[in-house]
């Protein structure tokens, strides 16, 4: 499903999804990015930018990007460290939409918490939609 700017609903909260941060996924991420900091293995910590993998809007919402969509920015706020084997519960919603100089911006937020309920990460993704 592709959602044009006019149909972005700031009131819609997407259903929760679970994601397990397995050793296999972490090692694949490290190999793909070349980020082989030994601290990740010694402390069993996930690489910080790996959150981009499991907070992907398309995977959470089931929406597809419209052709011509521009990824304008992404930021992560870690509220606690995440470790190998952690299971996170993800929930997302569009939190802002605006037009500036004829461009249509949408800010989407994905919150990750541990299955215990403890907040872990807030990811904000800004895209520019073509329509």
Protein backbone atom coordinates (compact mmCIF):
# COMPACT_ATOMS: atom_id res chain seq x y z
CA UNK A 1 0.00 0.00 0.00
CA UNK A 2 1.38 3.40 -0.98
CA UNK A 3 0.25 6.41 1.04
CA UNK A 4 0.35 9.86 -0.59
CA UNK A 5 0.90 12.98 1.52
CA UNK A 6 -2.81 13.89 1.60
CA UNK A 7 -3.63 10.51 3.18
CA UNK A 8 -0.99 10.55 5.93
CA UNK A 9 -3.00 10.19 9.14
CA UNK A 10 -1.31 11.62 12.24
CA UNK A 11 -3.89 9.94 14.49
CA UNK A 12 -3.18 6.41 13.22
CA UNK A 13 -1.06 4.22 15.50
CA UNK A 14 0.24 1.11 13.75
CA UNK A 15 -0.08 -2.31 15.40
CA UNK A 16 2.82 -3.50 17.52
CA UNK A 17 5.41 -5.85 16.07
CA UNK A 18 8.08 -7.87 17.83
CA UNK A 19 11.68 -8.14 16.71
CA UNK A 20 14.34 -10.37 18.23
CA UNK A 21 17.88 -9.00 17.93
CA UNK A 22 19.64 -12.29 17.26
CA UNK A 23 23.37 -12.88 17.13
CA UNK A 24 22.98 -13.96 13.51
CA UNK A 25 21.33 -10.63 12.57
CA UNK A 26 23.97 -8.65 14.45
CA UNK A 27 26.84 -10.49 12.79
CA UNK A 28 25.22 -10.03 9.35
CA UNK A 29 24.82 -6.31 10.03
CA UNK A 30 28.44 -5.98 11.19
CA UNK A 31 29.71 -7.82 8.12
CA UNK A 32 27.56 -5.77 5.75
CA UNK A 33 28.61 -2.43 7.23
CA UNK A 34 32.21 -3.32 8.09
CA UNK A 35 31.54 -2.06 11.63
CA UNK A 36 33.53 -4.66 13.56
CA UNK A 37 34.10 -2.82 16.82
CA UNK A 38 35.17 -5.53 19.31
CA UNK A 39 33.12 -3.83 22.03
CA UNK A 40 29.92 -5.12 20.40
CA UNK A 41 31.00 -8.70 20.96
CA UNK A 42 32.74 -8.16 24.32
CA UNK A 43 29.75 -6.38 25.87
CA UNK A 44 27.09 -8.10 23.70
CA UNK A 45 25.88 -4.66 22.58
CA UNK A 46 24.20 -3.96 19.28
CA UNK A 47 25.87 -1.49 16.90
CA UNK A 48 24.03 1.82 17.39
CA UNK A 49 23.01 2.32 13.76
CA UNK A 50 21.57 -1.21 13.60
CA UNK A 51 18.34 0.30 14.87
CA UNK A 52 17.83 1.44 11.26
CA UNK A 53 17.28 -2.22 10.38
CA UNK A 54 14.51 -3.04 12.83
CA UNK A 55 12.80 0.37 13.03
CA UNK A 56 12.26 0.50 9.25
CA UNK A 57 8.91 2.17 8.65
CA UNK A 58 7.96 -0.05 5.72
CA UNK A 59 8.44 -3.24 7.75
CA UNK A 60 6.41 -1.89 10.65
CA UNK A 61 3.56 -0.24 8.73
CA UNK A 62 3.28 -2.47 5.67
CA UNK A 63 3.36 0.67 3.52
CA UNK A 64 5.56 1.02 0.46
CA UNK A 65 7.49 4.13 -0.42
CA UNK A 66 6.09 6.10 -3.32
CA UNK A 67 8.45 6.34 -6.29
CA UNK A 68 10.44 9.55 -5.86
CA UNK A 69 10.35 9.51 -2.04
CA UNK A 70 13.47 11.09 -0.56
CA UNK A 71 14.90 9.90 2.77
CA UNK A 72 15.72 13.30 4.28
CA UNK A 73 16.97 12.26 7.69
CA UNK A 74 16.94 9.78 10.53
CA UNK A 75 17.83 10.05 14.19
CA UNK A 76 17.92 7.56 17.06
CA UNK A 77 17.60 8.30 20.74
CA UNK A 78 18.75 5.40 22.86
CA UNK A 79 17.08 5.25 26.26
CA UNK A 80 19.01 2.15 27.31
CA UNK A 81 21.59 -0.17 25.75
CA UNK A 82 20.31 -3.09 23.69
CA UNK A 83 22.01 -6.45 23.82
CA UNK A 84 22.27 -9.55 21.70
CA UNK A 85 19.14 -11.64 22.18
CA UNK A 86 16.91 -8.76 23.31
CA UNK A 87 13.34 -8.86 22.06
CA UNK A 88 11.87 -5.45 21.33
CA UNK A 89 8.27 -4.45 20.75
CA UNK A 90 7.91 -1.78 18.07
CA UNK A 91 5.11 0.70 17.51
CA UNK A 92 4.98 3.57 15.10
CA UNK A 93 3.01 6.54 13.90
CA UNK A 94 3.43 9.59 11.71
CA UNK A 95 3.97 12.48 14.12
CA UNK A 96 4.25 15.46 11.81
CA UNK A 97 3.50 16.49 8.25
CA UNK A 98 4.24 19.86 6.72
CA UNK A 99 4.81 21.62 3.45
CA UNK A 100 7.86 23.84 3.01
CA UNK A 101 8.75 25.56 -0.26
CA UNK A 102 6.47 23.19 -2.15
CA UNK A 103 7.98 20.05 -0.60
CA UNK A 104 5.87 17.62 1.42
CA UNK A 105 7.64 16.41 4.58
CA UNK A 106 6.47 13.59 6.86
CA UNK A 107 8.12 12.69 10.17
CA UNK A 108 7.53 9.11 11.27
CA UNK A 109 8.39 7.86 14.73
CA UNK A 110 9.02 4.29 15.79
CA UNK A 111 9.33 3.50 19.49
CA UNK A 112 11.02 0.32 20.65
CA UNK A 113 10.65 -1.08 24.12
CA UNK A 114 11.80 -4.27 25.75
CA UNK A 115 9.15 -6.91 26.28
CA UNK A 116 9.27 -5.91 29.98
CA UNK A 117 7.87 -2.52 28.90
CA UNK A 118 11.11 -0.58 29.46
CA UNK A 119 11.57 2.07 26.72
CA UNK A 120 14.67 1.42 24.61
CA UNK A 121 14.84 3.52 21.43
CA UNK A 122 12.97 6.30 19.70
CA UNK A 123 13.64 6.47 15.97
CA UNK A 124 12.53 9.45 13.88
CA UNK A 125 12.57 9.23 10.11
CA UNK A 126 11.91 12.24 7.90
CA UNK A 127 10.89 11.70 4.30
CA UNK A 128 9.90 14.01 1.47
CA UNK A 129 6.96 12.60 -0.45
CA UNK A 130 6.52 13.27 -4.17
CA UNK A 131 2.76 13.85 -3.85
